[in-house]
N, C-alpha and C. Protein backbone atom coordinates (compact mmCIF):
# COMPACT_ATOMS: atom_id res chain seq x y z
N UNK A 1 0.85 -1.17 0.00
CA UNK A 1 0.00 0.00 0.00
C UNK A 1 0.89 1.24 0.00
N UNK A 2 0.51 2.21 -0.80
CA UNK A 2 1.19 3.50 -0.81
C UNK A 2 0.22 4.55 -0.30
N UNK A 3 0.73 5.45 0.50
CA UNK A 3 -0.08 6.53 1.06
C UNK A 3 0.48 7.85 0.57
N UNK A 4 -0.36 8.65 -0.05
CA UNK A 4 0.04 9.97 -0.52
C UNK A 4 -0.67 11.01 0.35
N UNK A 5 0.09 11.91 0.90
CA UNK A 5 -0.49 13.01 1.68
C UNK A 5 -0.37 14.25 0.81
N UNK A 6 -1.50 14.88 0.53
CA UNK A 6 -1.53 16.01 -0.40
C UNK A 6 -2.09 17.22 0.33
N UNK A 7 -1.40 18.32 0.17
CA UNK A 7 -1.89 19.58 0.75
C UNK A 7 -2.76 20.27 -0.28
N UNK A 8 -3.76 20.99 0.17
CA UNK A 8 -4.66 21.69 -0.75
C UNK A 8 -3.89 22.73 -1.55
N UNK A 9 -4.47 23.13 -2.67
CA UNK A 9 -3.88 24.17 -3.50
C UNK A 9 -3.96 25.53 -2.83
N UNK A 10 -3.40 26.53 -3.50
CA UNK A 10 -3.40 27.89 -2.96
C UNK A 10 -4.84 28.37 -2.84
N UNK A 11 -5.19 28.86 -1.66
CA UNK A 11 -6.56 29.31 -1.40
C UNK A 11 -6.61 30.83 -1.27
N UNK A 12 -7.79 31.37 -1.49
CA UNK A 12 -8.01 32.80 -1.37
C UNK A 12 -7.78 33.24 0.08
N UNK A 13 -7.39 34.47 0.22
CA UNK A 13 -7.19 35.04 1.56
C UNK A 13 -8.54 35.20 2.26
N UNK A 14 -8.51 35.18 3.56
CA UNK A 14 -9.73 35.39 4.35
C UNK A 14 -10.01 36.89 4.41
N UNK A 15 -11.24 37.26 4.09
CA UNK A 15 -11.61 38.66 4.25
C UNK A 15 -12.49 38.78 5.50
N UNK A 16 -12.88 39.94 5.83
CA UNK A 16 -13.63 40.17 7.06
C UNK A 16 -15.00 39.52 7.11
N UNK A 17 -15.56 39.19 5.94
CA UNK A 17 -16.92 38.64 5.89
C UNK A 17 -16.97 37.12 5.71
N UNK A 18 -15.90 36.54 5.22
CA UNK A 18 -15.89 35.10 4.93
C UNK A 18 -15.23 34.33 6.07
N UNK A 19 -15.66 33.10 6.22
CA UNK A 19 -15.03 32.24 7.21
C UNK A 19 -13.90 31.45 6.55
N UNK A 20 -12.99 30.95 7.34
CA UNK A 20 -11.88 30.17 6.84
C UNK A 20 -12.38 28.94 6.08
N UNK A 21 -13.48 28.36 6.53
CA UNK A 21 -14.01 27.15 5.92
C UNK A 21 -14.46 27.36 4.49
N UNK A 22 -14.82 28.59 4.12
CA UNK A 22 -15.37 28.88 2.80
C UNK A 22 -14.33 29.40 1.81
N UNK A 23 -13.04 29.34 2.15
CA UNK A 23 -12.00 29.85 1.25
C UNK A 23 -11.84 28.93 0.04
N UNK A 24 -12.10 29.43 -1.16
CA UNK A 24 -11.93 28.60 -2.36
C UNK A 24 -10.49 28.63 -2.85
N UNK A 25 -10.18 27.72 -3.75
CA UNK A 25 -8.88 27.76 -4.41
C UNK A 25 -8.83 28.99 -5.32
N UNK A 26 -7.66 29.56 -5.46
CA UNK A 26 -7.49 30.66 -6.41
C UNK A 26 -7.29 30.06 -7.80
N UNK A 27 -7.34 30.88 -8.81
CA UNK A 27 -7.09 30.42 -10.18
C UNK A 27 -5.67 29.83 -10.26
N UNK A 28 -4.72 30.52 -9.63
CA UNK A 28 -3.34 30.04 -9.60
C UNK A 28 -3.24 28.71 -8.85
N UNK A 29 -3.97 28.60 -7.75
CA UNK A 29 -3.97 27.37 -6.97
C UNK A 29 -4.49 26.19 -7.76
N UNK A 30 -5.57 26.42 -8.53
CA UNK A 30 -6.11 25.36 -9.38
C UNK A 30 -5.10 24.95 -10.45
N UNK A 31 -4.48 25.95 -11.08
CA UNK A 31 -3.54 25.67 -12.17
C UNK A 31 -2.32 24.90 -11.68
N UNK A 32 -1.76 25.33 -10.56
CA UNK A 32 -0.57 24.65 -10.03
C UNK A 32 -0.89 23.23 -9.57
N UNK A 33 -2.04 23.07 -8.94
CA UNK A 33 -2.38 21.72 -8.48
C UNK A 33 -2.68 20.82 -9.67
N UNK A 34 -3.35 21.34 -10.68
CA UNK A 34 -3.63 20.55 -11.88
C UNK A 34 -2.32 20.11 -12.54
N UNK A 35 -1.31 20.94 -12.51
CA UNK A 35 0.01 20.58 -13.04
C UNK A 35 0.59 19.40 -12.26
N UNK A 36 0.44 19.42 -10.96
CA UNK A 36 0.90 18.31 -10.12
C UNK A 36 0.15 17.02 -10.41
N UNK A 37 -1.14 17.14 -10.66
CA UNK A 37 -1.95 15.96 -10.99
C UNK A 37 -1.47 15.36 -12.31
N UNK A 38 -1.16 16.21 -13.28
CA UNK A 38 -0.63 15.70 -14.55
C UNK A 38 0.69 14.96 -14.33
N UNK A 39 1.51 15.45 -13.41
CA UNK A 39 2.76 14.77 -13.08
C UNK A 39 2.50 13.40 -12.48
N UNK A 40 1.52 13.29 -11.60
CA UNK A 40 1.17 11.99 -11.03
C UNK A 40 0.69 11.03 -12.12
N UNK A 41 -0.08 11.56 -13.08
CA UNK A 41 -0.58 10.73 -14.16
C UNK A 41 0.59 10.18 -14.99
N UNK A 42 1.62 10.98 -15.21
CA UNK A 42 2.78 10.54 -15.97
C UNK A 42 3.55 9.43 -15.24
N UNK A 43 3.44 9.41 -13.93
CA UNK A 43 4.08 8.37 -13.14
C UNK A 43 3.22 7.12 -13.04
N UNK A 44 2.08 7.13 -13.75
CA UNK A 44 1.14 6.01 -13.76
C UNK A 44 0.66 5.68 -12.35
N UNK A 45 0.35 6.72 -11.60
CA UNK A 45 -0.14 6.58 -10.23
C UNK A 45 -1.64 6.28 -10.23
N UNK A 46 -2.03 5.27 -9.50
CA UNK A 46 -3.45 4.92 -9.39
C UNK A 46 -3.89 5.18 -7.95
N UNK A 47 -4.87 6.04 -7.79
CA UNK A 47 -5.38 6.39 -6.46
C UNK A 47 -6.75 5.74 -6.31
N UNK A 48 -6.88 4.93 -5.29
CA UNK A 48 -8.12 4.19 -5.07
C UNK A 48 -9.09 4.90 -4.14
N UNK A 49 -8.57 5.71 -3.24
CA UNK A 49 -9.41 6.33 -2.23
C UNK A 49 -8.86 7.71 -1.91
N UNK A 50 -9.75 8.68 -1.87
CA UNK A 50 -9.36 10.05 -1.50
C UNK A 50 -10.18 10.45 -0.29
N UNK A 51 -9.50 10.81 0.78
CA UNK A 51 -10.16 11.33 1.98
C UNK A 51 -9.76 12.79 2.12
N UNK A 52 -10.71 13.64 2.44
CA UNK A 52 -10.42 15.07 2.58
C UNK A 52 -11.33 15.69 3.61
N UNK A 53 -10.94 16.85 4.07
CA UNK A 53 -11.77 17.57 5.04
C UNK A 53 -12.93 18.23 4.30
N UNK A 54 -13.92 18.71 5.03
CA UNK A 54 -15.06 19.38 4.39
C UNK A 54 -14.78 20.84 4.00
N UNK A 55 -13.58 21.34 4.28
CA UNK A 55 -13.26 22.71 3.90
C UNK A 55 -13.33 22.84 2.38
N UNK A 56 -13.87 23.95 1.89
CA UNK A 56 -14.08 24.15 0.46
C UNK A 56 -12.80 23.93 -0.34
N UNK A 57 -11.69 24.48 0.12
CA UNK A 57 -10.44 24.34 -0.63
C UNK A 57 -9.97 22.89 -0.69
N UNK A 58 -10.25 22.12 0.34
CA UNK A 58 -9.89 20.69 0.34
C UNK A 58 -10.79 19.91 -0.61
N UNK A 59 -12.06 20.23 -0.63
CA UNK A 59 -13.00 19.58 -1.54
C UNK A 59 -12.61 19.88 -2.98
N UNK A 60 -12.31 21.14 -3.27
CA UNK A 60 -11.94 21.50 -4.64
C UNK A 60 -10.63 20.83 -5.06
N UNK A 61 -9.68 20.72 -4.15
CA UNK A 61 -8.43 20.04 -4.44
C UNK A 61 -8.68 18.56 -4.73
N UNK A 62 -9.52 17.92 -3.94
CA UNK A 62 -9.85 16.51 -4.15
C UNK A 62 -10.53 16.31 -5.50
N UNK A 63 -11.39 17.23 -5.88
CA UNK A 63 -12.05 17.13 -7.18
C UNK A 63 -11.04 17.18 -8.32
N UNK A 64 -10.03 18.01 -8.19
CA UNK A 64 -8.99 18.07 -9.21
C UNK A 64 -8.18 16.77 -9.25
N UNK A 65 -7.97 16.19 -8.10
CA UNK A 65 -7.19 14.97 -8.00
C UNK A 65 -7.91 13.77 -8.63
N UNK A 66 -9.21 13.79 -8.54
CA UNK A 66 -10.01 12.70 -9.13
C UNK A 66 -9.78 12.68 -10.63
């Protein structure tokens, strides 16, 4: 079994009205993480299970990883 620990992509800064839980990935964060996913694909990596927190940025990162 191989275990990969992945940190979420770059997320938007917290403003005075938003909570930390609702911080989405930035455009740059999506692009950089997508580049990493392409690298994993080139290594012929097969991921069977993805576990993530309910934070928006973690959900969006997991969606890109799928």
